[in-house]
Amino acid sequence: SSAARMPKVKKVKAKKVAPAPFKAQSKSSKKTNPLIEKRPKNFSVGGDIQPKRDLSRFVVWPKYIRLQRQKKTLLKRLKVPPVINQFTQTLDRGTAKQLFKLAHKYRPETKAEKKIRLKEAAQKKSDGKEQGAGKKPVVLKYGINHVTSLIEQKKAQLVMIAHDVDPIEIVIWMPALCRKMGVPYCIVKGKARLGKLVHKKTATAVAIVGVKSEDKSSLNNIAESCKTNFNDRGDEIRKHWGGGVMGAKTNARVARQERIRAREQAQRMG
């Protein structure tokens, strides 16, 4: 009967929830090796060792290095007179190589070699086999006073002057003397290299007074090259000032001032 029937229940539709505005992207699952454990480094205090960085900018350099660098910068910035500036113009690499190769043949004897020679001479004298003084050996002459006297007597065939002598006053007058006496000269890099030729730490100037007959043409060619590049360019060297090279910051500031000045002038004209 109708009384036994159950009452009809209305079906309520469940409301769909709006999707989240930013759906979290599912991470792509990467295959990881279970044998390799990830251990991120911790660079905080007391943690892992810091990575190596270039700290040269923060180093407190020794005083002599600071002075070297300051001097180099000052020589770039300040106006350098021609007499000092001529020492920046050195002999070209190829000619210098030939010159040092030639000079190496005429190195003077070392202290040890001299000791052996004198010992042998003394032995011969004691044995009664004394010989007269032989021919004077042809070697390089060094020492600022000795080289100067050789230039004044016009005995030097070629003079090599170091570019980095300190104080520069020791050799500043030597190029002028060489030009006056007509002795070929050249400015070479550097005093330690010249010193090596004569078994010393450094040498300010070295003179070649003579060579063997087989090396004469080679010496004449080098001397001619030196005469062209140094002796004959006296007037040009006298006029050429050095220095006056500003740093990046100064150049940028000057360029900015120039731009402002040009803009103001354009406005006045316009």
Protein backbone atom coordinates (compact mmCIF):
# COMPACT_ATOMS: atom_id res chain seq x y z
CA SER A 1 0.00 0.00 0.00
CA SER A 2 0.89 3.64 -0.22
CA ALA A 3 1.48 3.76 3.55
CA ALA A 4 4.13 1.07 3.30
CA ARG A 5 6.00 3.00 0.60
CA MET A 6 9.08 4.97 1.71
CA PRO A 7 9.00 8.73 1.22
CA LYS A 8 10.95 10.01 -1.80
CA VAL A 9 14.24 11.66 -0.81
CA LYS A 10 15.53 14.48 -2.98
CA LYS A 11 19.02 13.94 -4.33
CA VAL A 12 21.24 16.92 -3.51
CA LYS A 13 23.97 17.52 -6.04
CA ALA A 14 27.39 18.11 -4.41
CA LYS A 15 28.89 21.48 -5.37
CA LYS A 16 32.15 21.32 -7.28
CA VAL A 17 34.96 23.16 -5.48
CA ALA A 18 36.76 25.68 -7.66
CA PRO A 19 40.31 24.59 -8.52
CA ALA A 20 43.20 26.35 -6.78
CA PRO A 21 44.36 29.44 -8.76
CA PHE A 22 48.03 28.26 -8.85
CA LYS A 23 48.26 24.60 -9.14
CA ALA A 24 51.43 23.29 -7.61
CA GLN A 25 53.49 21.82 -10.38
CA SER A 26 54.42 18.26 -9.79
CA LYS A 27 58.21 17.93 -9.62
CA SER A 28 59.67 15.77 -12.30
CA SER A 29 61.03 12.79 -10.53
CA LYS A 30 64.74 12.56 -11.24
CA LYS A 31 66.51 9.31 -10.92
CA THR A 32 68.97 9.61 -8.07
CA ASN A 33 71.74 7.25 -7.33
CA PRO A 34 71.08 5.74 -3.89
CA LEU A 35 74.80 5.18 -3.39
CA ILE A 36 75.66 8.90 -3.67
CA GLU A 37 74.55 10.89 -0.68
CA LYS A 38 73.89 14.63 -1.09
CA ARG A 39 75.96 16.62 1.39
CA PRO A 40 75.52 20.40 0.89
CA LYS A 41 78.42 22.52 2.21
CA ASN A 42 77.94 24.90 5.10
CA PHE A 43 80.22 27.95 4.89
CA SER A 44 79.12 29.53 8.20
CA VAL A 45 81.53 30.04 11.11
CA GLY A 46 83.02 26.75 12.17
CA GLY A 47 81.65 25.02 9.10
CA ASP A 48 83.35 23.95 5.87
CA ILE A 49 86.61 25.46 4.57
CA GLN A 50 85.98 28.57 2.48
CA PRO A 51 86.61 28.33 -1.29
CA LYS A 52 89.86 29.90 -2.60
CA ARG A 53 89.43 33.52 -3.66
CA ASP A 54 91.82 36.00 -5.29
CA LEU A 55 92.78 38.19 -2.34
CA SER A 56 95.76 39.97 -3.98
CA ARG A 57 93.82 43.26 -3.84
CA PHE A 58 93.59 43.03 -0.05
CA VAL A 59 97.20 42.00 0.59
CA VAL A 60 99.35 44.39 2.64
CA TRP A 61 102.35 44.34 0.29
CA PRO A 62 105.90 44.96 1.56
CA LYS A 63 107.06 48.57 1.43
CA TYR A 64 109.61 48.04 -1.37
CA ILE A 65 106.89 46.58 -3.64
CA ARG A 66 104.52 49.47 -2.84
CA LEU A 67 107.30 51.96 -3.67
CA GLN A 68 108.02 50.23 -6.98
CA ARG A 69 104.37 50.39 -7.99
CA GLN A 70 103.92 53.99 -6.84
CA LYS A 71 107.04 55.07 -8.73
CA LYS A 72 105.83 53.35 -11.91
CA THR A 73 102.43 55.07 -11.62
CA LEU A 74 104.01 58.47 -10.89
CA LEU A 75 106.28 58.19 -13.94
CA LYS A 76 103.15 57.58 -16.04
CA ARG A 77 101.18 60.47 -14.55
CA LEU A 78 103.80 63.23 -14.28
CA LYS A 79 105.40 64.95 -17.25
CA VAL A 80 108.84 63.38 -17.72
CA PRO A 81 111.63 65.54 -19.20
CA PRO A 82 113.19 64.30 -22.47
CA VAL A 83 116.58 63.60 -20.80
CA ILE A 84 114.95 61.02 -18.49
CA ASN A 85 112.31 59.87 -20.98
CA GLN A 86 115.00 58.70 -23.45
CA PHE A 87 115.65 55.71 -21.15
CA THR A 88 112.18 54.32 -21.95
CA GLN A 89 113.16 53.90 -25.63
CA THR A 90 115.31 50.77 -25.64
CA LEU A 91 117.00 48.76 -28.37
CA ASP A 92 114.63 46.49 -30.33
CA ARG A 93 114.46 42.85 -29.32
CA GLY A 94 116.09 41.34 -32.42
CA THR A 95 119.15 43.63 -32.40
CA ALA A 96 119.49 43.26 -28.62
CA LYS A 97 119.55 39.47 -29.00
CA GLN A 98 122.38 39.69 -31.58
CA LEU A 99 124.29 42.19 -29.42
CA PHE A 100 124.12 40.08 -26.25
CA LYS A 101 125.08 36.98 -28.23
CA LEU A 102 128.18 38.82 -29.46
CA ALA A 103 128.97 40.30 -26.03
CA HIS A 104 128.69 36.85 -24.43
CA LYS A 105 131.80 35.74 -26.36
CA TYR A 106 133.90 38.47 -24.72
CA ARG A 107 132.96 38.03 -21.07
CA PRO A 108 135.82 38.79 -18.66
CA GLU A 109 137.28 35.95 -16.58
CA THR A 110 135.68 34.99 -13.27
CA LYS A 111 137.47 35.17 -9.90
CA ALA A 112 137.99 31.38 -9.95
CA GLU A 113 139.49 31.48 -13.47
CA LYS A 114 141.81 34.34 -12.46
CA LYS A 115 142.95 32.39 -9.39
CA ILE A 116 143.82 29.35 -11.54
CA ARG A 117 145.68 31.55 -14.09
CA LEU A 118 147.76 33.28 -11.41
CA LYS A 119 148.50 29.94 -9.75
CA GLU A 120 149.75 28.49 -13.05
CA ALA A 121 151.86 31.60 -13.71
CA ALA A 122 153.38 31.35 -10.21
CA GLN A 123 154.13 27.65 -10.77
CA LYS A 124 155.88 28.40 -14.08
CA LYS A 125 157.88 31.18 -12.41
CA SER A 126 159.03 28.84 -9.61
CA ASP A 127 160.04 26.23 -12.22
CA GLY A 128 162.06 28.84 -14.09
CA LYS A 129 159.82 28.69 -17.18
CA GLU A 130 158.66 32.27 -16.90
CA GLN A 131 157.21 33.64 -20.12
CA GLY A 132 156.75 37.24 -21.10
CA ALA A 133 153.36 38.91 -20.78
CA GLY A 134 151.21 37.63 -23.63
CA LYS A 135 148.67 39.51 -25.70
CA LYS A 136 146.11 41.44 -23.69
CA PRO A 137 142.78 39.56 -23.83
CA VAL A 138 139.90 41.25 -25.68
CA VAL A 139 137.09 41.49 -23.13
CA LEU A 140 134.14 43.71 -22.17
CA LYS A 141 134.91 46.77 -20.04
CA TYR A 142 132.58 47.79 -17.22
CA GLY A 143 132.40 50.25 -14.32
CA ILE A 144 130.99 53.74 -14.87
CA ASN A 145 134.34 55.57 -14.45
CA HIS A 146 136.24 53.14 -16.68
CA VAL A 147 133.60 53.28 -19.43
CA THR A 148 133.55 57.11 -19.23
CA SER A 149 137.32 57.33 -19.73
CA LEU A 150 137.08 54.90 -22.70
CA ILE A 151 134.39 57.11 -24.32
CA GLU A 152 136.48 60.26 -23.74
CA GLN A 153 139.53 58.59 -25.33
CA LYS A 154 137.30 57.26 -28.17
CA LYS A 155 138.50 53.72 -27.48
CA ALA A 156 135.00 52.32 -27.00
CA GLN A 157 133.51 50.88 -30.20
CA LEU A 158 130.01 50.41 -28.72
CA VAL A 159 128.53 51.36 -25.33
CA MET A 160 125.56 49.58 -23.75
CA ILE A 161 123.66 51.57 -21.09
CA ALA A 162 121.05 49.99 -18.79
CA HIS A 163 117.55 51.53 -18.89
CA ASP A 164 116.68 50.94 -15.21
CA VAL A 165 119.61 52.47 -13.32
CA ASP A 166 118.61 53.92 -9.95
CA PRO A 167 119.43 56.75 -9.25
CA ILE A 168 119.20 57.66 -12.95
CA GLU A 169 121.69 60.55 -12.45
CA ILE A 170 124.55 58.00 -12.63
CA VAL A 171 124.07 57.55 -16.41
CA ILE A 172 121.77 60.43 -17.40
CA TRP A 173 124.65 62.37 -19.04
CA MET A 174 126.25 59.40 -20.83
CA PRO A 175 124.14 59.46 -24.06
CA ALA A 176 125.06 63.15 -24.56
CA LEU A 177 128.76 62.36 -24.05
CA CYS A 178 128.58 59.46 -26.55
CA ARG A 179 126.94 61.73 -29.15
CA LYS A 180 129.57 64.42 -28.60
CA MET A 181 132.49 62.00 -28.92
CA GLY A 182 130.88 60.13 -31.86
CA VAL A 183 130.82 56.80 -30.03
CA PRO A 184 127.87 54.51 -30.92
CA TYR A 185 125.68 53.78 -27.89
CA CYS A 186 122.41 52.00 -27.14
CA ILE A 187 120.03 51.76 -24.20
CA VAL A 188 119.20 48.14 -23.34
CA LYS A 189 117.04 46.27 -20.86
CA GLY A 190 118.34 46.03 -18.11
CA LYS A 191 121.10 46.39 -15.51
CA ALA A 192 120.85 42.76 -14.29
CA ARG A 193 121.26 41.47 -17.85
CA LEU A 194 124.40 43.61 -18.30
CA GLY A 195 125.67 42.47 -14.90
CA LYS A 196 125.38 38.85 -15.99
CA LEU A 197 127.81 39.55 -18.86
CA VAL A 198 130.53 40.71 -16.44
CA HIS A 199 129.83 38.27 -13.54
CA LYS A 200 128.18 40.90 -11.32
CA LYS A 201 124.67 41.36 -9.94
CA THR A 202 124.15 44.55 -11.94
CA ALA A 203 126.11 46.82 -14.29
CA THR A 204 125.13 50.36 -15.29
CA ALA A 205 127.15 50.44 -18.53
CA VAL A 206 129.33 48.04 -20.53
CA ALA A 207 131.70 48.97 -23.36
CA ILE A 208 133.00 46.85 -26.25
CA VAL A 209 136.55 48.00 -27.05
CA GLY A 210 137.44 45.37 -29.62
CA VAL A 211 136.48 42.03 -31.15
CA LYS A 212 138.18 39.25 -33.08
CA SER A 213 138.42 39.57 -36.86
CA GLU A 214 135.58 37.06 -37.48
CA ASP A 215 133.14 39.20 -35.39
CA LYS A 216 134.07 42.60 -36.86
CA SER A 217 131.34 42.67 -39.53
CA SER A 218 128.72 41.66 -36.96
CA LEU A 219 129.83 44.44 -34.57
CA ASN A 220 129.88 47.02 -37.40
CA ASN A 221 126.29 46.14 -38.38
CA ILE A 222 125.04 46.45 -34.79
CA ALA A 223 127.00 49.70 -34.24
CA GLU A 224 125.51 51.16 -37.45
CA SER A 225 122.00 50.23 -36.27
CA CYS A 226 122.65 51.81 -32.85
CA LYS A 227 124.02 54.97 -34.46
CA THR A 228 120.87 55.32 -36.59
CA ASN A 229 118.45 54.67 -33.70
CA PHE A 230 120.23 56.59 -30.93
CA ASN A 231 123.17 58.85 -31.93
CA ASP A 232 121.53 60.40 -35.02
CA ARG A 233 118.19 60.99 -33.28
CA GLY A 234 119.59 63.47 -30.72
CA ASP A 235 117.38 66.41 -31.82
CA GLU A 236 114.25 64.26 -31.90
CA ILE A 237 114.99 62.77 -28.44
CA ARG A 238 115.52 66.28 -27.01
CA LYS A 239 111.96 67.30 -27.99
CA HIS A 240 110.09 64.18 -26.88
CA TRP A 241 108.55 64.51 -23.41
CA GLY A 242 107.11 61.50 -21.57
CA GLY A 243 104.38 60.79 -19.02
CA GLY A 244 101.05 62.61 -18.83
CA VAL A 245 99.08 59.36 -19.07
CA MET A 246 96.08 59.62 -16.77
CA GLY A 247 94.20 56.78 -15.06
CA ALA A 248 90.77 55.40 -16.05
CA LYS A 249 88.89 57.43 -13.40
CA THR A 250 90.50 60.74 -14.44
CA ASN A 251 89.86 60.03 -18.14
CA ALA A 252 86.20 59.25 -17.40
CA ARG A 253 85.83 62.47 -15.37
CA VAL A 254 87.45 64.62 -18.07
CA ALA A 255 85.27 63.00 -20.78
CA ARG A 256 82.13 63.71 -18.71
CA GLN A 257 83.14 67.36 -18.24
CA GLU A 258 83.77 67.66 -21.98
CA ARG A 259 80.30 66.25 -22.77
CA ILE A 260 78.64 68.73 -20.36
CA ARG A 261 80.61 71.63 -21.89
CA ALA A 262 79.66 70.53 -25.43
CA ARG A 263 75.96 70.26 -24.44
CA GLU A 264 75.98 73.75 -22.89
CA GLN A 265 77.62 75.21 -25.98
CA ALA A 266 75.04 73.51 -28.23
CA GLN A 267 72.21 75.04 -26.13
CA ARG A 268 73.74 78.52 -26.42
CA MET A 269 74.10 78.12 -30.15
CA GLY A 270 70.58 76.70 -30.50
